[in-house]
PDB file of N, CA and C in Angstrom:
ATOM      1  N   UNK A   1       0.848  -1.182   0.000  1.00  0.00           N
ATOM      2  CA  UNK A   1       0.000   0.000   0.000  1.00  0.00           C
ATOM      3  C   UNK A   1       0.891   1.242   0.000  1.00  0.00           C
ATOM      4  N   UNK A   2       0.405   2.259  -0.644  1.00  0.00           N
ATOM      5  CA  UNK A   2       1.152   3.519  -0.690  1.00  0.00           C
ATOM      6  C   UNK A   2       0.853   4.344   0.552  1.00  0.00           C
ATOM      7  N   UNK A   3       1.882   4.972   1.090  1.00  0.00           N
ATOM      8  CA  UNK A   3       1.699   5.790   2.293  1.00  0.00           C
ATOM      9  C   UNK A   3       0.727   6.931   2.055  1.00  0.00           C
ATOM     10  N   UNK A   4       0.753   7.507   0.860  1.00  0.00           N
ATOM     11  CA  UNK A   4      -0.181   8.601   0.543  1.00  0.00           C
ATOM     12  C   UNK A   4      -1.628   8.143   0.723  1.00  0.00           C
ATOM     13  N   UNK A   5      -1.911   6.938   0.287  1.00  0.00           N
ATOM     14  CA  UNK A   5      -3.258   6.371   0.416  1.00  0.00           C
ATOM     15  C   UNK A   5      -3.612   6.161   1.893  1.00  0.00           C
ATOM     16  N   UNK A   6      -2.637   5.695   2.669  1.00  0.00           N
ATOM     17  CA  UNK A   6      -2.878   5.400   4.086  1.00  0.00           C
ATOM     18  C   UNK A   6      -3.071   6.665   4.917  1.00  0.00           C
ATOM     19  N   UNK A   7      -2.394   7.736   4.546  1.00  0.00           N
ATOM     20  CA  UNK A   7      -2.475   8.970   5.330  1.00  0.00           C
ATOM     21  C   UNK A   7      -3.596   9.899   4.888  1.00  0.00           C
ATOM     22  N   UNK A   8      -4.390   9.496   3.912  1.00  0.00           N
ATOM     23  CA  UNK A   8      -5.472  10.352   3.420  1.00  0.00           C
ATOM     24  C   UNK A   8      -6.809   9.628   3.395  1.00  0.00           C
ATOM     25  N   UNK A   9      -7.101   8.880   4.437  1.00  0.00           N
ATOM     26  CA  UNK A   9      -8.369   8.160   4.535  1.00  0.00           C
ATOM     27  C   UNK A   9      -9.500   9.176   4.716  1.00  0.00           C
ATOM     28  N   UNK A  10     -10.555   9.015   3.927  1.00  0.00           N
ATOM     29  CA  UNK A  10     -11.644   9.997   3.913  1.00  0.00           C
ATOM     30  C   UNK A  10     -12.919   9.549   4.619  1.00  0.00           C
ATOM     31  N   UNK A  11     -13.041   8.247   4.927  1.00  0.00           N
ATOM     32  CA  UNK A  11     -14.288   7.779   5.535  1.00  0.00           C
ATOM     33  C   UNK A  11     -14.035   6.501   6.334  1.00  0.00           C
ATOM     34  N   UNK A  12     -15.002   6.150   7.161  1.00  0.00           N
ATOM     35  CA  UNK A  12     -14.909   4.903   7.917  1.00  0.00           C
ATOM     36  C   UNK A  12     -14.938   3.691   6.979  1.00  0.00           C
ATOM     37  N   UNK A  13     -15.728   3.774   5.926  1.00  0.00           N
ATOM     38  CA  UNK A  13     -15.780   2.670   4.962  1.00  0.00           C
ATOM     39  C   UNK A  13     -14.419   2.459   4.307  1.00  0.00           C
ATOM     40  N   UNK A  14     -13.781   3.551   3.932  1.00  0.00           N
ATOM     41  CA  UNK A  14     -12.457   3.454   3.314  1.00  0.00           C
ATOM     42  C   UNK A  14     -11.439   2.900   4.316  1.00  0.00           C
ATOM     43  N   UNK A  15     -11.506   3.369   5.546  1.00  0.00           N
ATOM     44  CA  UNK A  15     -10.609   2.865   6.592  1.00  0.00           C
ATOM     45  C   UNK A  15     -10.781   1.366   6.765  1.00  0.00           C
ATOM     46  N   UNK A  16     -12.018   0.933   6.814  1.00  0.00           N
ATOM     47  CA  UNK A  16     -12.290  -0.487   7.005  1.00  0.00           C
ATOM     48  C   UNK A  16     -11.770  -1.320   5.826  1.00  0.00           C
ATOM     49  N   UNK A  17     -11.972  -0.857   4.621  1.00  0.00           N
ATOM     50  CA  UNK A  17     -11.477  -1.586   3.444  1.00  0.00           C
ATOM     51  C   UNK A  17      -9.951  -1.647   3.422  1.00  0.00           C
ATOM     52  N   UNK A  18      -9.309  -0.530   3.738  1.00  0.00           N
ATOM     53  CA  UNK A  18      -7.845  -0.510   3.769  1.00  0.00           C
ATOM     54  C   UNK A  18      -7.302  -1.418   4.868  1.00  0.00           C
ATOM     55  N   UNK A  19      -7.943  -1.391   6.029  1.00  0.00           N
ATOM     56  CA  UNK A  19      -7.494  -2.230   7.135  1.00  0.00           C
ATOM     57  C   UNK A  19      -7.662  -3.703   6.782  1.00  0.00           C
ATOM     58  N   UNK A  20      -8.771  -4.046   6.165  1.00  0.00           N
ATOM     59  CA  UNK A  20      -9.007  -5.425   5.755  1.00  0.00           C
ATOM     60  C   UNK A  20      -7.923  -5.881   4.769  1.00  0.00           C
ATOM     61  N   UNK A  21      -7.607  -5.035   3.813  1.00  0.00           N
ATOM     62  CA  UNK A  21      -6.567  -5.359   2.830  1.00  0.00           C
ATOM     63  C   UNK A  21      -5.206  -5.502   3.515  1.00  0.00           C
ATOM     64  N   UNK A  22      -4.899  -4.602   4.445  1.00  0.00           N
ATOM     65  CA  UNK A  22      -3.625  -4.663   5.159  1.00  0.00           C
ATOM     66  C   UNK A  22      -3.508  -5.952   5.973  1.00  0.00           C
ATOM     67  N   UNK A  23      -4.591  -6.340   6.614  1.00  0.00           N
ATOM     68  CA  UNK A  23      -4.590  -7.579   7.412  1.00  0.00           C
ATOM     69  C   UNK A  23      -4.405  -8.791   6.497  1.00  0.00           C
ATOM     70  N   UNK A  24      -5.141  -8.832   5.402  1.00  0.00           N
ATOM     71  CA  UNK A  24      -5.029  -9.962   4.468  1.00  0.00           C
ATOM     72  C   UNK A  24      -3.615 -10.084   3.899  1.00  0.00           C
ATOM     73  N   UNK A  25      -2.977  -8.922   3.644  1.00  0.00           N
ATOM     74  CA  UNK A  25      -1.635  -8.916   3.066  1.00  0.00           C
ATOM     75  C   UNK A  25      -0.529  -8.962   4.128  1.00  0.00           C
ATOM     76  N   UNK A  26      -0.935  -8.978   5.398  1.00  0.00           N
ATOM     77  CA  UNK A  26       0.014  -8.971   6.517  1.00  0.00           C
ATOM     78  C   UNK A  26       1.012  -7.815   6.385  1.00  0.00           C
ATOM     79  N   UNK A  27       0.464  -6.650   6.019  1.00  0.00           N
ATOM     80  CA  UNK A  27       1.255  -5.439   5.814  1.00  0.00           C
ATOM     81  C   UNK A  27       1.364  -4.698   7.145  1.00  0.00           C
ATOM     82  N   UNK A  28       2.450  -4.941   7.866  1.00  0.00           N
ATOM     83  CA  UNK A  28       2.616  -4.399   9.214  1.00  0.00           C
ATOM     84  C   UNK A  28       2.643  -2.879   9.240  1.00  0.00           C
ATOM     85  N   UNK A  29       3.291  -2.264   8.265  1.00  0.00           N
ATOM     86  CA  UNK A  29       3.358  -0.801   8.228  1.00  0.00           C
ATOM     87  C   UNK A  29       1.959  -0.219   8.025  1.00  0.00           C
ATOM     88  N   UNK A  30       1.211  -0.769   7.091  1.00  0.00           N
ATOM     89  CA  UNK A  30      -0.143  -0.269   6.832  1.00  0.00           C
ATOM     90  C   UNK A  30      -1.027  -0.447   8.064  1.00  0.00           C
ATOM     91  N   UNK A  31      -0.919  -1.591   8.726  1.00  0.00           N
ATOM     92  CA  UNK A  31      -1.722  -1.834   9.932  1.00  0.00           C
ATOM     93  C   UNK A  31      -1.395  -0.807  11.003  1.00  0.00           C
ATOM     94  N   UNK A  32      -0.118  -0.526  11.201  1.00  0.00           N
ATOM     95  CA  UNK A  32       0.275   0.467  12.214  1.00  0.00           C
ATOM     96  C   UNK A  32      -0.224   1.864  11.863  1.00  0.00           C
ATOM     97  N   UNK A  33      -0.080   2.252  10.608  1.00  0.00           N
ATOM     98  CA  UNK A  33      -0.547   3.580  10.197  1.00  0.00           C
ATOM     99  C   UNK A  33      -2.056   3.684  10.378  1.00  0.00           C
ATOM    100  N   UNK A  34      -2.793   2.679   9.944  1.00  0.00           N
ATOM    101  CA  UNK A  34      -4.254   2.713  10.037  1.00  0.00           C
ATOM    102  C   UNK A  34      -4.735   2.622  11.488  1.00  0.00           C
ATOM    103  N   UNK A  35      -3.966   1.962  12.344  1.00  0.00           N
ATOM    104  CA  UNK A  35      -4.332   1.880  13.758  1.00  0.00           C
ATOM    105  C   UNK A  35      -4.409   3.269  14.387  1.00  0.00           C
ATOM    106  N   UNK A  36      -3.589   4.183  13.907  1.00  0.00           N
ATOM    107  CA  UNK A  36      -3.617   5.546  14.435  1.00  0.00           C
ATOM    108  C   UNK A  36      -4.983   6.205  14.251  1.00  0.00           C
ATOM    109  N   UNK A  37      -5.733   5.797  13.238  1.00  0.00           N
ATOM    110  CA  UNK A  37      -7.064   6.355  12.993  1.00  0.00           C
ATOM    111  C   UNK A  37      -8.083   5.923  14.041  1.00  0.00           C
ATOM    112  N   UNK A  38      -7.793   4.873  14.783  1.00  0.00           N
ATOM    113  CA  UNK A  38      -8.769   4.364  15.751  1.00  0.00           C
ATOM    114  C   UNK A  38      -9.171   5.416  16.780  1.00  0.00           C
ATOM    115  N   UNK A  39      -8.304   6.354  17.053  1.00  0.00           N
ATOM    116  CA  UNK A  39      -8.654   7.382  18.049  1.00  0.00           C
ATOM    117  C   UNK A  39      -9.710   8.355  17.546  1.00  0.00           C
ATOM    118  N   UNK A  40      -9.983   8.350  16.247  1.00  0.00           N
ATOM    119  CA  UNK A  40     -10.974   9.268  15.683  1.00  0.00           C
ATOM    120  C   UNK A  40     -12.304   8.609  15.334  1.00  0.00           C
ATOM    121  N   UNK A  41     -12.371   7.309  15.421  1.00  0.00           N
ATOM    122  CA  UNK A  41     -13.630   6.674  15.041  1.00  0.00           C
ATOM    123  C   UNK A  41     -14.600   6.680  16.220  1.00  0.00           C
ATOM    124  N   UNK A  42     -15.885   6.737  15.952  1.00  0.00           N
ATOM    125  CA  UNK A  42     -16.879   6.739  17.031  1.00  0.00           C
ATOM    126  C   UNK A  42     -16.803   5.444  17.847  1.00  0.00           C
ATOM    127  N   UNK A  43     -17.061   5.551  19.137  1.00  0.00           N
ATOM    128  CA  UNK A  43     -17.000   4.382  20.016  1.00  0.00           C
ATOM    129  C   UNK A  43     -18.026   3.319  19.645  1.00  0.00           C
ATOM    130  N   UNK A  44     -19.114   3.726  19.013  1.00  0.00           N
ATOM    131  CA  UNK A  44     -20.148   2.755  18.653  1.00  0.00           C
ATOM    132  C   UNK A  44     -19.952   2.169  17.246  1.00  0.00           C
ATOM    133  N   UNK A  45     -18.828   2.459  16.616  1.00  0.00           N
ATOM    134  CA  UNK A  45     -18.544   1.925  15.277  1.00  0.00           C
ATOM    135  C   UNK A  45     -18.393   0.415  15.349  1.00  0.00           C
ATOM    136  N   UNK A  46     -19.120  -0.285  14.481  1.00  0.00           N
ATOM    137  CA  UNK A  46     -19.053  -1.738  14.427  1.00  0.00           C
ATOM    138  C   UNK A  46     -18.657  -2.131  13.006  1.00  0.00           C
ATOM    139  N   UNK A  47     -17.430  -2.611  12.817  1.00  0.00           N
ATOM    140  CA  UNK A  47     -16.966  -2.963  11.474  1.00  0.00           C
ATOM    141  C   UNK A  47     -17.806  -4.064  10.831  1.00  0.00           C
ATOM    142  N   UNK A  48     -18.000  -3.945   9.534  1.00  0.00           N
ATOM    143  CA  UNK A  48     -18.757  -4.942   8.778  1.00  0.00           C
ATOM    144  C   UNK A  48     -17.878  -6.146   8.417  1.00  0.00           C
ATOM    145  N   UNK A  49     -16.596  -5.898   8.217  1.00  0.00           N
ATOM    146  CA  UNK A  49     -15.697  -6.956   7.743  1.00  0.00           C
ATOM    147  C   UNK A  49     -15.111  -7.744   8.917  1.00  0.00           C
ATOM    148  N   UNK A  50     -15.163  -9.064   8.851  1.00  0.00           N
ATOM    149  CA  UNK A  50     -14.739  -9.908   9.975  1.00  0.00           C
ATOM    150  C   UNK A  50     -13.286  -9.683  10.416  1.00  0.00           C
ATOM    151  N   UNK A  51     -12.370  -9.512   9.471  1.00  0.00           N
ATOM    152  CA  UNK A  51     -10.969  -9.286   9.845  1.00  0.00           C
ATOM    153  C   UNK A  51     -10.813  -8.022  10.685  1.00  0.00           C
ATOM    154  N   UNK A  52     -11.497  -6.983  10.277  1.00  0.00           N
ATOM    155  CA  UNK A  52     -11.391  -5.693  10.973  1.00  0.00           C
ATOM    156  C   UNK A  52     -12.079  -5.789  12.328  1.00  0.00           C
ATOM    157  N   UNK A  53     -13.208  -6.459  12.381  1.00  0.00           N
ATOM    158  CA  UNK A  53     -13.916  -6.657  13.650  1.00  0.00           C
ATOM    159  C   UNK A  53     -13.021  -7.382  14.652  1.00  0.00           C
ATOM    160  N   UNK A  54     -12.374  -8.453  14.208  1.00  0.00           N
ATOM    161  CA  UNK A  54     -11.497  -9.220  15.091  1.00  0.00           C
ATOM    162  C   UNK A  54     -10.297  -8.381  15.525  1.00  0.00           C
ATOM    163  N   UNK A  55      -9.702  -7.661  14.593  1.00  0.00           N
ATOM    164  CA  UNK A  55      -8.562  -6.806  14.922  1.00  0.00           C
ATOM    165  C   UNK A  55      -8.952  -5.766  15.983  1.00  0.00           C
ATOM    166  N   UNK A  56     -10.090  -5.105  15.777  1.00  0.00           N
ATOM    167  CA  UNK A  56     -10.524  -4.081  16.731  1.00  0.00           C
ATOM    168  C   UNK A  56     -10.857  -4.703  18.084  1.00  0.00           C
ATOM    169  N   UNK A  57     -11.377  -5.917  18.086  1.00  0.00           N
ATOM    170  CA  UNK A  57     -11.650  -6.624  19.340  1.00  0.00           C
ATOM    171  C   UNK A  57     -10.335  -6.824  20.111  1.00  0.00           C
ATOM    172  N   UNK A  58      -9.279  -7.224  19.409  1.00  0.00           N
ATOM    173  CA  UNK A  58      -7.986  -7.434  20.056  1.00  0.00           C
ATOM    174  C   UNK A  58      -7.410  -6.125  20.590  1.00  0.00           C
ATOM    175  N   UNK A  59      -7.514  -5.065  19.807  1.00  0.00           N
ATOM    176  CA  UNK A  59      -7.010  -3.762  20.246  1.00  0.00           C
ATOM    177  C   UNK A  59      -7.775  -3.298  21.483  1.00  0.00           C
ATOM    178  N   UNK A  60      -9.092  -3.436  21.464  1.00  0.00           N
ATOM    179  CA  UNK A  60      -9.911  -3.041  22.613  1.00  0.00           C
ATOM    180  C   UNK A  60      -9.521  -3.857  23.848  1.00  0.00           C
ATOM    181  N   UNK A  61      -9.294  -5.155  23.679  1.00  0.00           N
ATOM    182  CA  UNK A  61      -8.879  -6.001  24.799  1.00  0.00           C
ATOM    183  C   UNK A  61      -7.561  -5.492  25.387  1.00  0.00           C
ATOM    184  N   UNK A  62      -6.596  -5.179  24.532  1.00  0.00           N
ATOM    185  CA  UNK A  62      -5.306  -4.683  25.025  1.00  0.00           C
ATOM    186  C   UNK A  62      -5.457  -3.371  25.789  1.00  0.00           C
ATOM    187  N   UNK A  63      -6.279  -2.483  25.268  1.00  0.00           N
ATOM    188  CA  UNK A  63      -6.498  -1.199  25.943  1.00  0.00           C
ATOM    189  C   UNK A  63      -7.194  -1.408  27.281  1.00  0.00           C
ATOM    190  N   UNK A  64      -8.230  -2.229  27.290  1.00  0.00           N
ATOM    191  CA  UNK A  64      -8.996  -2.465  28.516  1.00  0.00           C
ATOM    192  C   UNK A  64      -8.189  -3.195  29.591  1.00  0.00           C
ATOM    193  N   UNK A  65      -7.215  -3.982  29.176  1.00  0.00           N
ATOM    194  CA  UNK A  65      -6.486  -4.812  30.132  1.00  0.00           C
ATOM    195  C   UNK A  65      -4.999  -4.461  30.242  1.00  0.00           C
ATOM    196  N   UNK A  66      -4.604  -3.300  29.761  1.00  0.00           N
ATOM    197  CA  UNK A  66      -3.180  -2.980  29.725  1.00  0.00           C
ATOM    198  C   UNK A  66      -2.558  -2.968  31.128  1.00  0.00           C
ATOM    199  N   UNK A  67      -3.290  -2.550  32.132  1.00  0.00           N
ATOM    200  CA  UNK A  67      -2.735  -2.542  33.489  1.00  0.00           C
ATOM    201  C   UNK A  67      -2.458  -3.947  33.990  1.00  0.00           C
ATOM    202  N   UNK A  68      -3.266  -4.913  33.579  1.00  0.00           N
ATOM    203  CA  UNK A  68      -3.071  -6.296  33.999  1.00  0.00           C
ATOM    204  C   UNK A  68      -1.968  -6.988  33.209  1.00  0.00           C
ATOM    205  N   UNK A  69      -1.688  -6.480  32.000  1.00  0.00           N
ATOM    206  CA  UNK A  69      -0.734  -7.125  31.110  1.00  0.00           C
ATOM    207  C   UNK A  69       0.699  -6.626  31.276  1.00  0.00           C
ATOM    208  N   UNK A  70       0.848  -5.444  31.869  1.00  0.00           N
ATOM    209  CA  UNK A  70       2.169  -4.824  31.986  1.00  0.00           C
ATOM    210  C   UNK A  70       2.468  -4.573  33.459  1.00  0.00           C
ATOM    211  N   UNK A  71       3.649  -4.981  33.869  1.00  0.00           N
ATOM    212  CA  UNK A  71       4.071  -4.734  35.239  1.00  0.00           C
ATOM    213  C   UNK A  71       4.717  -3.363  35.344  1.00  0.00           C
ATOM    214  N   UNK A  72       4.498  -2.693  36.450  1.00  0.00           N
ATOM    215  CA  UNK A  72       5.215  -1.451  36.714  1.00  0.00           C
ATOM    216  C   UNK A  72       6.637  -1.810  37.099  1.00  0.00           C
ATOM    217  N   UNK A  73       7.592  -1.127  36.507  1.00  0.00           N
ATOM    218  CA  UNK A  73       8.979  -1.487  36.744  1.00  0.00           C
ATOM    219  C   UNK A  73       9.656  -0.509  37.531  1.00  0.00           C
TER     220      UNK A  73
END
């Protein structure tokens, strides 16, 4: 994926399609860039595509449980 395409997402539908493509292609850079958009999406957003739904479920789990997963050093 081109960085220009990743940094100029115009809609939630476009974000979801790009994220699905990045997951299918195991494109780590694209996944990281697109993950940054998660802070702007509505909390009630429910992805239509299964890959994106599962990915967001994992991200939400990490955020909700980060205190339990990381020790204070």
